[in-house]
Amino acid sequence: MRKYFLLLWLLFPVAVIYYHYNDGQDDLAREKAREHLNVIRQFEKAKEPDWQQIVEEYDKVAAALPANERPLVRHQIRLAKAKAKLEMLDVAGAIEDLTLLLRNAAEIHGQDVPITRAIRETLGKAYYYATTLLKTNGATEDEWRPFAERTRQIFRYLAEHQDIGALAQYEQRVETEFNKAIQHRNP
């Protein structure tokens, strides 16, 4: 019995070294990314957030993740980055990022999972923002109508795949959030 304990004691450093040079580095990178995300969330809660810096910090977090990180985590970070772009009113960049992200997430996770629904909802908000910004800046109906139609299609899809009356709730929530964003930028 004593020999087995001695053998285990001698093999323990081998197991620790093996873990350190394999999974240990990935776990360390994940832990650092988690801490970095907490810092970013504090930046977002500031009274006057610097959204450009927040977008850059999300890029740093995505780059620091291990190569074998789950796609869901990467998609959540990309979604948060797109939301920060919307806060900056970089609507065109957010629409481009969200469209690509929606395609990737739907391919990997499926059409009706929480992450895909969240991406689709944020994409609907981005199209709504684009419509409202174009309308308020005097664009012709031919310019803003495609964005409005795309907004309607996205919200309708979300509502039809959830419950009755959800379309009105989505549209009302998006309008409220957009009005808050505009008021925040123009006090």
N, C-alpha and C. Protein backbone atom coordinates (compact mmCIF):
# COMPACT_ATOMS: atom_id res chain seq x y z
N MET A 1 0.82 -1.18 0.00
CA MET A 1 0.00 0.00 0.00
C MET A 1 0.88 1.25 0.00
N ARG A 2 1.94 1.16 0.73
CA ARG A 2 2.85 2.28 0.83
C ARG A 2 3.51 2.57 -0.51
N LYS A 3 3.78 1.53 -1.27
CA LYS A 3 4.38 1.69 -2.59
C LYS A 3 3.44 2.46 -3.53
N TYR A 4 2.15 2.18 -3.42
CA TYR A 4 1.19 2.87 -4.29
C TYR A 4 1.12 4.35 -3.96
N PHE A 5 1.12 4.69 -2.69
CA PHE A 5 1.12 6.10 -2.32
C PHE A 5 2.40 6.80 -2.77
N LEU A 6 3.52 6.12 -2.66
CA LEU A 6 4.78 6.68 -3.11
C LEU A 6 4.76 6.88 -4.62
N LEU A 7 4.23 5.91 -5.34
CA LEU A 7 4.12 6.02 -6.79
C LEU A 7 3.20 7.18 -7.18
N LEU A 8 2.07 7.30 -6.50
CA LEU A 8 1.16 8.43 -6.76
C LEU A 8 1.85 9.76 -6.46
N TRP A 9 2.58 9.81 -5.38
CA TRP A 9 3.28 11.04 -5.01
C TRP A 9 4.34 11.40 -6.06
N LEU A 10 5.00 10.43 -6.60
CA LEU A 10 6.02 10.70 -7.61
C LEU A 10 5.40 11.07 -8.97
N LEU A 11 4.20 10.55 -9.29
CA LEU A 11 3.54 10.85 -10.55
C LEU A 11 2.74 12.15 -10.52
N PHE A 12 2.46 12.65 -9.35
CA PHE A 12 1.67 13.88 -9.23
C PHE A 12 2.30 15.05 -9.98
N PRO A 13 3.59 15.31 -9.85
CA PRO A 13 4.19 16.41 -10.61
C PRO A 13 4.06 16.23 -12.13
N VAL A 14 4.09 15.00 -12.60
CA VAL A 14 3.93 14.75 -14.03
C VAL A 14 2.54 15.18 -14.48
N ALA A 15 1.54 14.85 -13.69
CA ALA A 15 0.16 15.24 -14.02
C ALA A 15 0.01 16.75 -13.99
N VAL A 16 0.62 17.40 -13.02
CA VAL A 16 0.53 18.86 -12.92
C VAL A 16 1.21 19.51 -14.12
N ILE A 17 2.35 19.04 -14.50
CA ILE A 17 3.07 19.60 -15.65
C ILE A 17 2.29 19.36 -16.94
N TYR A 18 1.75 18.17 -17.07
CA TYR A 18 0.93 17.87 -18.25
C TYR A 18 -0.25 18.83 -18.33
N TYR A 19 -0.96 19.03 -17.22
CA TYR A 19 -2.11 19.93 -17.22
C TYR A 19 -1.67 21.37 -17.52
N HIS A 20 -0.56 21.78 -16.92
CA HIS A 20 -0.09 23.16 -17.11
C HIS A 20 0.20 23.46 -18.58
N TYR A 21 0.82 22.56 -19.26
CA TYR A 21 1.21 22.83 -20.64
C TYR A 21 0.13 22.46 -21.66
N ASN A 22 -0.98 21.92 -21.24
CA ASN A 22 -2.07 21.59 -22.16
C ASN A 22 -3.31 22.39 -21.81
N ASP A 23 -4.18 21.85 -21.00
CA ASP A 23 -5.44 22.52 -20.65
C ASP A 23 -5.24 23.70 -19.72
N GLY A 24 -4.19 23.70 -18.97
CA GLY A 24 -3.96 24.78 -18.01
C GLY A 24 -3.83 26.15 -18.67
N GLN A 25 -3.16 26.21 -19.80
CA GLN A 25 -3.00 27.49 -20.50
C GLN A 25 -4.34 28.00 -21.04
N ASP A 26 -5.16 27.08 -21.53
CA ASP A 26 -6.49 27.47 -22.02
C ASP A 26 -7.36 27.98 -20.88
N ASP A 27 -7.31 27.28 -19.74
CA ASP A 27 -8.11 27.71 -18.59
C ASP A 27 -7.64 29.06 -18.07
N LEU A 28 -6.35 29.29 -18.09
CA LEU A 28 -5.81 30.58 -17.67
C LEU A 28 -6.26 31.69 -18.61
N ALA A 29 -6.24 31.42 -19.90
CA ALA A 29 -6.71 32.42 -20.88
C ALA A 29 -8.20 32.71 -20.70
N ARG A 30 -8.98 31.68 -20.42
CA ARG A 30 -10.41 31.87 -20.18
C ARG A 30 -10.65 32.72 -18.93
N GLU A 31 -9.89 32.46 -17.90
CA GLU A 31 -10.05 33.22 -16.65
C GLU A 31 -9.67 34.69 -16.86
N LYS A 32 -8.60 34.93 -17.60
CA LYS A 32 -8.22 36.31 -17.90
C LYS A 32 -9.28 37.00 -18.75
N ALA A 33 -9.87 36.28 -19.69
CA ALA A 33 -10.93 36.85 -20.53
C ALA A 33 -12.15 37.17 -19.68
N ARG A 34 -12.48 36.31 -18.74
CA ARG A 34 -13.62 36.55 -17.85
C ARG A 34 -13.39 37.81 -17.02
N GLU A 35 -12.19 37.97 -16.49
CA GLU A 35 -11.87 39.18 -15.73
C GLU A 35 -11.92 40.42 -16.61
N HIS A 36 -11.44 40.30 -17.84
CA HIS A 36 -11.47 41.42 -18.79
C HIS A 36 -12.91 41.80 -19.11
N LEU A 37 -13.79 40.81 -19.26
CA LEU A 37 -15.20 41.09 -19.51
C LEU A 37 -15.84 41.83 -18.34
N ASN A 38 -15.45 41.49 -17.13
CA ASN A 38 -15.98 42.21 -15.97
C ASN A 38 -15.54 43.67 -15.99
N VAL A 39 -14.32 43.92 -16.41
CA VAL A 39 -13.84 45.31 -16.54
C VAL A 39 -14.63 46.04 -17.61
N ILE A 40 -14.89 45.38 -18.73
CA ILE A 40 -15.65 46.00 -19.82
C ILE A 40 -17.07 46.32 -19.34
N ARG A 41 -17.66 45.44 -18.59
CA ARG A 41 -19.02 45.70 -18.07
C ARG A 41 -19.02 46.91 -17.15
N GLN A 42 -17.95 47.11 -16.41
CA GLN A 42 -17.85 48.32 -15.58
C GLN A 42 -17.74 49.57 -16.45
N PHE A 43 -16.99 49.47 -17.56
CA PHE A 43 -16.91 50.59 -18.51
C PHE A 43 -18.29 50.92 -19.06
N GLU A 44 -19.07 49.88 -19.37
CA GLU A 44 -20.40 50.09 -19.94
C GLU A 44 -21.36 50.75 -18.96
N LYS A 45 -21.16 50.51 -17.66
CA LYS A 45 -22.04 51.07 -16.65
C LYS A 45 -21.66 52.50 -16.27
N ALA A 46 -20.56 53.00 -16.80
CA ALA A 46 -20.14 54.37 -16.48
C ALA A 46 -21.19 55.37 -16.93
N LYS A 47 -21.14 56.54 -16.33
CA LYS A 47 -22.11 57.57 -16.67
C LYS A 47 -21.98 58.01 -18.13
N GLU A 48 -20.77 58.16 -18.60
CA GLU A 48 -20.49 58.52 -20.00
C GLU A 48 -19.55 57.47 -20.59
N PRO A 49 -20.06 56.32 -21.01
CA PRO A 49 -19.18 55.26 -21.53
C PRO A 49 -18.47 55.68 -22.82
N ASP A 50 -17.23 55.28 -22.92
CA ASP A 50 -16.46 55.49 -24.15
C ASP A 50 -16.66 54.24 -25.00
N TRP A 51 -17.65 54.28 -25.89
CA TRP A 51 -18.04 53.09 -26.64
C TRP A 51 -16.95 52.64 -27.60
N GLN A 52 -16.18 53.56 -28.12
CA GLN A 52 -15.08 53.17 -29.02
C GLN A 52 -14.07 52.32 -28.27
N GLN A 53 -13.74 52.72 -27.05
CA GLN A 53 -12.81 51.94 -26.24
C GLN A 53 -13.42 50.58 -25.89
N ILE A 54 -14.71 50.55 -25.63
CA ILE A 54 -15.38 49.29 -25.29
C ILE A 54 -15.33 48.32 -26.46
N VAL A 55 -15.55 48.83 -27.68
CA VAL A 55 -15.46 47.98 -28.88
C VAL A 55 -14.04 47.42 -29.01
N GLU A 56 -13.05 48.26 -28.79
CA GLU A 56 -11.65 47.81 -28.87
C GLU A 56 -11.35 46.76 -27.80
N GLU A 57 -11.92 46.93 -26.61
CA GLU A 57 -11.70 45.96 -25.54
C GLU A 57 -12.34 44.61 -25.87
N TYR A 58 -13.51 44.64 -26.51
CA TYR A 58 -14.12 43.37 -26.94
C TYR A 58 -13.24 42.67 -27.98
N ASP A 59 -12.61 43.43 -28.86
CA ASP A 59 -11.69 42.83 -29.82
C ASP A 59 -10.52 42.17 -29.10
N LYS A 60 -10.01 42.82 -28.05
CA LYS A 60 -8.90 42.25 -27.29
C LYS A 60 -9.31 40.96 -26.60
N VAL A 61 -10.52 40.95 -26.03
CA VAL A 61 -11.00 39.73 -25.36
C VAL A 61 -11.12 38.59 -26.36
N ALA A 62 -11.70 38.88 -27.53
CA ALA A 62 -11.87 37.84 -28.55
C ALA A 62 -10.51 37.29 -29.00
N ALA A 63 -9.52 38.16 -29.12
CA ALA A 63 -8.19 37.72 -29.54
C ALA A 63 -7.49 36.91 -28.45
N ALA A 64 -7.81 37.18 -27.19
CA ALA A 64 -7.14 36.50 -26.08
C ALA A 64 -7.72 35.13 -25.77
N LEU A 65 -8.90 34.82 -26.30
CA LEU A 65 -9.50 33.52 -26.03
C LEU A 65 -8.69 32.40 -26.67
N PRO A 66 -8.69 31.23 -26.05
CA PRO A 66 -7.97 30.10 -26.67
C PRO A 66 -8.60 29.71 -28.00
N ALA A 67 -7.82 29.12 -28.86
CA ALA A 67 -8.29 28.75 -30.20
C ALA A 67 -9.43 27.73 -30.17
N ASN A 68 -9.47 26.91 -29.13
CA ASN A 68 -10.49 25.87 -29.06
C ASN A 68 -11.71 26.30 -28.23
N GLU A 69 -11.90 27.61 -28.04
CA GLU A 69 -13.04 28.10 -27.27
C GLU A 69 -14.34 27.77 -27.99
N ARG A 70 -15.38 27.53 -27.21
CA ARG A 70 -16.69 27.19 -27.77
C ARG A 70 -17.21 28.33 -28.64
N PRO A 71 -17.86 28.02 -29.74
CA PRO A 71 -18.41 29.06 -30.62
C PRO A 71 -19.43 29.95 -29.92
N LEU A 72 -20.18 29.40 -28.97
CA LEU A 72 -21.18 30.18 -28.27
C LEU A 72 -20.54 31.38 -27.55
N VAL A 73 -19.41 31.16 -26.93
CA VAL A 73 -18.72 32.24 -26.21
C VAL A 73 -18.27 33.31 -27.20
N ARG A 74 -17.70 32.89 -28.30
CA ARG A 74 -17.26 33.85 -29.31
C ARG A 74 -18.45 34.64 -29.88
N HIS A 75 -19.58 33.96 -30.08
CA HIS A 75 -20.77 34.63 -30.60
C HIS A 75 -21.31 35.65 -29.60
N GLN A 76 -21.26 35.31 -28.32
CA GLN A 76 -21.73 36.24 -27.29
C GLN A 76 -20.86 37.49 -27.25
N ILE A 77 -19.57 37.32 -27.41
CA ILE A 77 -18.66 38.48 -27.41
C ILE A 77 -18.90 39.33 -28.65
N ARG A 78 -19.08 38.69 -29.79
CA ARG A 78 -19.35 39.46 -31.03
C ARG A 78 -20.68 40.19 -30.93
N LEU A 79 -21.68 39.59 -30.29
CA LEU A 79 -22.97 40.25 -30.10
C LEU A 79 -22.82 41.47 -29.19
N ALA A 80 -22.08 41.32 -28.12
CA ALA A 80 -21.86 42.46 -27.21
C ALA A 80 -21.11 43.59 -27.93
N LYS A 81 -20.17 43.23 -28.77
CA LYS A 81 -19.45 44.24 -29.55
C LYS A 81 -20.40 44.97 -30.51
N ALA A 82 -21.28 44.24 -31.15
CA ALA A 82 -22.24 44.86 -32.07
C ALA A 82 -23.20 45.78 -31.31
N LYS A 83 -23.59 45.38 -30.11
CA LYS A 83 -24.44 46.25 -29.30
C LYS A 83 -23.72 47.54 -28.94
N ALA A 84 -22.43 47.43 -28.66
CA ALA A 84 -21.65 48.64 -28.37
C ALA A 84 -21.57 49.54 -29.61
N LYS A 85 -21.45 48.94 -30.78
CA LYS A 85 -21.46 49.72 -32.01
C LYS A 85 -22.79 50.44 -32.19
N LEU A 86 -23.87 49.79 -31.82
CA LEU A 86 -25.18 50.45 -31.91
C LEU A 86 -25.25 51.63 -30.95
N GLU A 87 -24.66 51.49 -29.79
CA GLU A 87 -24.64 52.60 -28.84
C GLU A 87 -23.87 53.80 -29.40
N MET A 88 -22.87 53.52 -30.23
CA MET A 88 -22.10 54.60 -30.88
C MET A 88 -22.85 55.15 -32.09
N LEU A 89 -23.98 54.52 -32.43
CA LEU A 89 -24.76 54.81 -33.62
C LEU A 89 -23.97 54.52 -34.90
N ASP A 90 -23.09 53.52 -34.82
CA ASP A 90 -22.43 52.99 -36.02
C ASP A 90 -23.35 51.90 -36.56
N VAL A 91 -24.46 52.34 -37.10
CA VAL A 91 -25.52 51.41 -37.49
C VAL A 91 -25.09 50.54 -38.66
N ALA A 92 -24.41 51.12 -39.64
CA ALA A 92 -23.99 50.34 -40.81
C ALA A 92 -23.01 49.23 -40.40
N GLY A 93 -22.05 49.56 -39.55
CA GLY A 93 -21.10 48.56 -39.08
C GLY A 93 -21.77 47.48 -38.26
N ALA A 94 -22.74 47.88 -37.42
CA ALA A 94 -23.45 46.91 -36.59
C ALA A 94 -24.29 45.97 -37.46
N ILE A 95 -24.97 46.53 -38.48
CA ILE A 95 -25.79 45.68 -39.36
C ILE A 95 -24.91 44.67 -40.08
N GLU A 96 -23.78 45.11 -40.56
CA GLU A 96 -22.86 44.20 -41.27
C GLU A 96 -22.38 43.08 -40.35
N ASP A 97 -21.94 43.46 -39.13
CA ASP A 97 -21.44 42.47 -38.18
C ASP A 97 -22.55 41.50 -37.75
N LEU A 98 -23.73 42.04 -37.48
CA LEU A 98 -24.83 41.20 -37.01
C LEU A 98 -25.34 40.25 -38.09
N THR A 99 -25.35 40.71 -39.34
CA THR A 99 -25.80 39.84 -40.42
C THR A 99 -24.87 38.63 -40.55
N LEU A 100 -23.59 38.88 -40.53
CA LEU A 100 -22.61 37.79 -40.59
C LEU A 100 -22.71 36.89 -39.36
N LEU A 101 -22.85 37.50 -38.20
CA LEU A 101 -22.95 36.74 -36.96
C LEU A 101 -24.21 35.88 -36.94
N LEU A 102 -25.32 36.43 -37.43
CA LEU A 102 -26.57 35.66 -37.48
C LEU A 102 -26.42 34.44 -38.37
N ARG A 103 -25.78 34.63 -39.51
CA ARG A 103 -25.57 33.51 -40.43
C ARG A 103 -24.72 32.43 -39.76
N ASN A 104 -23.63 32.84 -39.10
CA ASN A 104 -22.75 31.87 -38.43
C ASN A 104 -23.45 31.17 -37.28
N ALA A 105 -24.16 31.93 -36.45
CA ALA A 105 -24.82 31.35 -35.28
C ALA A 105 -25.94 30.40 -35.69
N ALA A 106 -26.71 30.77 -36.70
CA ALA A 106 -27.81 29.90 -37.15
C ALA A 106 -27.26 28.61 -37.73
N GLU A 107 -26.13 28.70 -38.40
CA GLU A 107 -25.51 27.52 -38.98
C GLU A 107 -25.00 26.57 -37.90
N ILE A 108 -24.43 27.12 -36.84
CA ILE A 108 -23.83 26.30 -35.79
C ILE A 108 -24.86 25.86 -34.75
N HIS A 109 -25.67 26.80 -34.27
CA HIS A 109 -26.57 26.53 -33.14
C HIS A 109 -28.00 26.20 -33.55
N GLY A 110 -28.43 26.70 -34.69
CA GLY A 110 -29.82 26.52 -35.10
C GLY A 110 -30.56 27.86 -35.10
N GLN A 111 -31.76 27.84 -35.66
CA GLN A 111 -32.52 29.07 -35.84
C GLN A 111 -33.21 29.56 -34.58
N ASP A 112 -33.60 28.67 -33.71
CA ASP A 112 -34.47 29.07 -32.61
C ASP A 112 -33.86 28.80 -31.24
N VAL A 113 -32.62 29.20 -31.05
CA VAL A 113 -31.96 29.09 -29.76
C VAL A 113 -31.76 30.50 -29.21
N PRO A 114 -31.55 30.64 -27.92
CA PRO A 114 -31.46 31.99 -27.33
C PRO A 114 -30.42 32.91 -27.98
N ILE A 115 -29.24 32.41 -28.31
CA ILE A 115 -28.22 33.30 -28.88
C ILE A 115 -28.64 33.78 -30.26
N THR A 116 -29.22 32.92 -31.06
CA THR A 116 -29.66 33.32 -32.40
C THR A 116 -30.82 34.30 -32.30
N ARG A 117 -31.72 34.08 -31.36
CA ARG A 117 -32.83 35.02 -31.16
C ARG A 117 -32.30 36.38 -30.71
N ALA A 118 -31.33 36.38 -29.82
CA ALA A 118 -30.76 37.65 -29.34
C ALA A 118 -30.07 38.40 -30.48
N ILE A 119 -29.35 37.68 -31.31
CA ILE A 119 -28.69 38.30 -32.47
C ILE A 119 -29.74 38.87 -33.41
N ARG A 120 -30.77 38.09 -33.68
CA ARG A 120 -31.83 38.53 -34.59
C ARG A 120 -32.54 39.77 -34.03
N GLU A 121 -32.80 39.79 -32.74
CA GLU A 121 -33.45 40.95 -32.12
C GLU A 121 -32.56 42.19 -32.23
N THR A 122 -31.28 42.03 -31.98
CA THR A 122 -30.36 43.16 -32.08
C THR A 122 -30.26 43.63 -33.53
N LEU A 123 -30.29 42.71 -34.47
CA LEU A 123 -30.28 43.08 -35.89
C LEU A 123 -31.54 43.87 -36.24
N GLY A 124 -32.68 43.46 -35.70
CA GLY A 124 -33.91 44.21 -35.91
C GLY A 124 -33.81 45.62 -35.35
N LYS A 125 -33.19 45.75 -34.18
CA LYS A 125 -32.97 47.07 -33.59
C LYS A 125 -32.08 47.92 -34.49
N ALA A 126 -31.05 47.30 -35.03
CA ALA A 126 -30.13 48.05 -35.89
C ALA A 126 -30.86 48.56 -37.13
N TYR A 127 -31.69 47.73 -37.73
CA TYR A 127 -32.46 48.19 -38.89
C TYR A 127 -33.45 49.27 -38.50
N TYR A 128 -34.04 49.15 -37.33
CA TYR A 128 -34.96 50.19 -36.85
C TYR A 128 -34.20 51.51 -36.66
N TYR A 129 -33.02 51.44 -36.04
CA TYR A 129 -32.20 52.64 -35.86
C TYR A 129 -31.88 53.26 -37.22
N ALA A 130 -31.51 52.43 -38.18
CA ALA A 130 -31.18 52.94 -39.51
C ALA A 130 -32.39 53.63 -40.13
N THR A 131 -33.55 53.03 -40.01
CA THR A 131 -34.77 53.62 -40.56
C THR A 131 -35.04 54.97 -39.93
N THR A 132 -34.98 55.01 -38.60
CA THR A 132 -35.28 56.25 -37.89
C THR A 132 -34.25 57.33 -38.20
N LEU A 133 -32.99 56.96 -38.24
CA LEU A 133 -31.95 57.95 -38.55
C LEU A 133 -32.12 58.50 -39.96
N LEU A 134 -32.42 57.64 -40.91
CA LEU A 134 -32.62 58.10 -42.28
C LEU A 134 -33.84 59.02 -42.38
N LYS A 135 -34.92 58.63 -41.71
CA LYS A 135 -36.14 59.45 -41.77
C LYS A 135 -35.91 60.82 -41.12
N THR A 136 -35.26 60.86 -39.98
CA THR A 136 -35.06 62.13 -39.28
C THR A 136 -34.05 63.02 -39.98
N ASN A 137 -33.19 62.44 -40.81
CA ASN A 137 -32.21 63.24 -41.54
C ASN A 137 -32.68 63.61 -42.93
N GLY A 138 -33.96 63.40 -43.21
CA GLY A 138 -34.54 63.87 -44.46
C GLY A 138 -34.32 62.98 -45.66
N ALA A 139 -34.06 61.70 -45.46
CA ALA A 139 -33.88 60.79 -46.60
C ALA A 139 -35.24 60.54 -47.26
N THR A 140 -35.18 60.22 -48.53
CA THR A 140 -36.42 59.93 -49.25
C THR A 140 -36.96 58.57 -48.81
N GLU A 141 -38.22 58.35 -49.12
CA GLU A 141 -38.84 57.09 -48.73
C GLU A 141 -38.17 55.90 -49.41
N ASP A 142 -37.69 56.10 -50.62
CA ASP A 142 -36.99 55.02 -51.33
C ASP A 142 -35.71 54.61 -50.60
N GLU A 143 -35.12 55.54 -49.86
CA GLU A 143 -33.89 55.24 -49.14
C GLU A 143 -34.15 54.52 -47.83
N TRP A 144 -35.16 54.95 -47.08
CA TRP A 144 -35.39 54.34 -45.78
C TRP A 144 -36.37 53.17 -45.79
N ARG A 145 -37.18 53.04 -46.79
CA ARG A 145 -38.20 51.99 -46.85
C ARG A 145 -37.60 50.57 -46.77
N PRO A 146 -36.50 50.25 -47.47
CA PRO A 146 -35.94 48.88 -47.35
C PRO A 146 -35.53 48.53 -45.91
N PHE A 147 -35.01 49.51 -45.18
CA PHE A 147 -34.63 49.26 -43.79
C PHE A 147 -35.85 49.02 -42.92
N ALA A 148 -36.90 49.79 -43.17
CA ALA A 148 -38.14 49.62 -42.41
C ALA A 148 -38.76 48.26 -42.70
N GLU A 149 -38.72 47.85 -43.95
CA GLU A 149 -39.29 46.55 -44.32
C GLU A 149 -38.50 45.42 -43.68
N ARG A 150 -37.18 45.54 -43.67
CA ARG A 150 -36.35 44.51 -43.06
C ARG A 150 -36.61 44.45 -41.55
N THR A 151 -36.79 45.60 -40.92
CA THR A 151 -37.12 45.65 -39.50
C THR A 151 -38.42 44.89 -39.25
N ARG A 152 -39.43 45.18 -40.06
CA ARG A 152 -40.73 44.53 -39.90
C ARG A 152 -40.61 43.02 -40.06
N GLN A 153 -39.83 42.59 -41.05
CA GLN A 153 -39.67 41.15 -41.28
C GLN A 153 -39.01 40.46 -40.09
N ILE A 154 -37.98 41.08 -39.57
CA ILE A 154 -37.26 40.47 -38.44
C ILE A 154 -38.15 40.38 -37.22
N PHE A 155 -38.82 41.48 -36.89
CA PHE A 155 -39.67 41.46 -35.71
C PHE A 155 -40.85 40.51 -35.89
N ARG A 156 -41.35 40.42 -37.09
CA ARG A 156 -42.46 39.49 -37.35
C ARG A 156 -41.97 38.05 -37.16
N TYR A 157 -40.78 37.74 -37.68
CA TYR A 157 -40.22 36.40 -37.50
C TYR A 157 -40.09 36.08 -36.01
N LEU A 158 -39.54 37.03 -35.26
CA LEU A 158 -39.38 36.81 -33.82
C LEU A 158 -40.73 36.61 -33.13
N ALA A 159 -41.69 37.42 -33.51
CA ALA A 159 -43.01 37.32 -32.88
C ALA A 159 -43.70 36.01 -33.25
N GLU A 160 -43.60 35.60 -34.48
CA GLU A 160 -44.26 34.36 -34.91
C GLU A 160 -43.63 33.13 -34.27
N HIS A 161 -42.38 33.24 -33.89
CA HIS A 161 -41.71 32.10 -33.28
C HIS A 161 -41.67 32.21 -31.76
N GLN A 162 -42.47 33.11 -31.22
CA GLN A 162 -42.54 33.20 -29.77
C GLN A 162 -43.98 33.06 -29.32
N ASP A 163 -44.71 34.15 -29.26
CA ASP A 163 -46.12 34.06 -28.89
C ASP A 163 -46.89 35.23 -29.51
N ILE A 164 -48.19 35.19 -29.38
CA ILE A 164 -49.05 36.21 -29.97
C ILE A 164 -48.83 37.53 -29.22
N GLY A 165 -48.73 38.60 -29.95
CA GLY A 165 -48.56 39.92 -29.35
C GLY A 165 -47.11 40.30 -29.11
N ALA A 166 -46.19 39.40 -29.37
CA ALA A 166 -44.79 39.70 -29.12
C ALA A 166 -44.24 40.73 -30.11
N LEU A 167 -44.79 40.77 -31.32
CA LEU A 167 -44.33 41.74 -32.31
C LEU A 167 -44.48 43.16 -31.78
N ALA A 168 -45.62 43.49 -31.24
CA ALA A 168 -45.84 44.84 -30.71
C ALA A 168 -44.91 45.12 -29.54
N GLN A 169 -44.68 44.13 -28.70
CA GLN A 169 -43.78 44.31 -27.57
C GLN A 169 -42.35 44.58 -28.04
N TYR A 170 -41.88 43.83 -29.03
CA TYR A 170 -40.55 44.04 -29.57
C TYR A 170 -40.42 45.45 -30.14
N GLU A 171 -41.39 45.84 -30.97
CA GLU A 171 -41.32 47.15 -31.61
C GLU A 171 -41.35 48.26 -30.57
N GLN A 172 -42.17 48.14 -29.55
CA GLN A 172 -42.26 49.16 -28.52
C GLN A 172 -40.96 49.23 -27.72
N ARG A 173 -40.39 48.08 -27.38
CA ARG A 173 -39.15 48.06 -26.63
C ARG A 173 -38.01 48.67 -27.43
N VAL A 174 -37.94 48.35 -28.72
CA VAL A 174 -36.88 48.90 -29.57
C VAL A 174 -37.04 50.41 -29.69
N GLU A 175 -38.25 50.88 -29.88
CA GLU A 175 -38.48 52.31 -30.00
C GLU A 175 -38.08 53.04 -28.72
N THR A 176 -38.41 52.47 -27.57
CA THR A 176 -38.05 53.07 -26.28
C THR A 176 -36.53 53.12 -26.13
N GLU A 177 -35.85 52.04 -26.45
CA GLU A 177 -34.39 52.00 -26.33
C GLU A 177 -33.74 53.00 -27.28
N PHE A 178 -34.27 53.11 -28.49
CA PHE A 178 -33.71 54.05 -29.44
C PHE A 178 -33.90 55.49 -28.96
N ASN A 179 -35.07 55.80 -28.46
CA ASN A 179 -35.32 57.15 -27.96
C ASN A 179 -34.40 57.49 -26.79
N LYS A 180 -34.13 56.52 -25.93
CA LYS A 180 -33.20 56.73 -24.83
C LYS A 180 -31.78 56.99 -25.36
N ALA A 181 -31.39 56.24 -26.38
CA ALA A 181 -30.05 56.41 -26.96
C ALA A 181 -29.91 57.79 -27.58
N ILE A 182 -30.94 58.24 -28.27
CA ILE A 182 -30.91 59.56 -28.89
C ILE A 182 -30.87 60.65 -27.82
N GLN A 183 -31.69 60.52 -26.79
CA GLN A 183 -31.70 61.51 -25.72
C GLN A 183 -30.37 61.54 -24.99
N HIS A 184 -29.75 60.37 -24.83
CA HIS A 184 -28.46 60.30 -24.13
C HIS A 184 -27.39 61.03 -24.93
N ARG A 185 -27.43 60.92 -26.25
CA ARG A 185 -26.43 61.56 -27.10
C ARG A 185 -26.70 63.04 -27.29
N ASN A 186 -27.96 63.46 -27.18
CA ASN A 186 -28.35 64.88 -27.35
C ASN A 186 -29.08 65.35 -26.11
N PRO A 187 -28.36 65.67 -25.03
CA PRO A 187 -29.03 66.06 -23.77
C PRO A 187 -29.73 67.40 -23.90
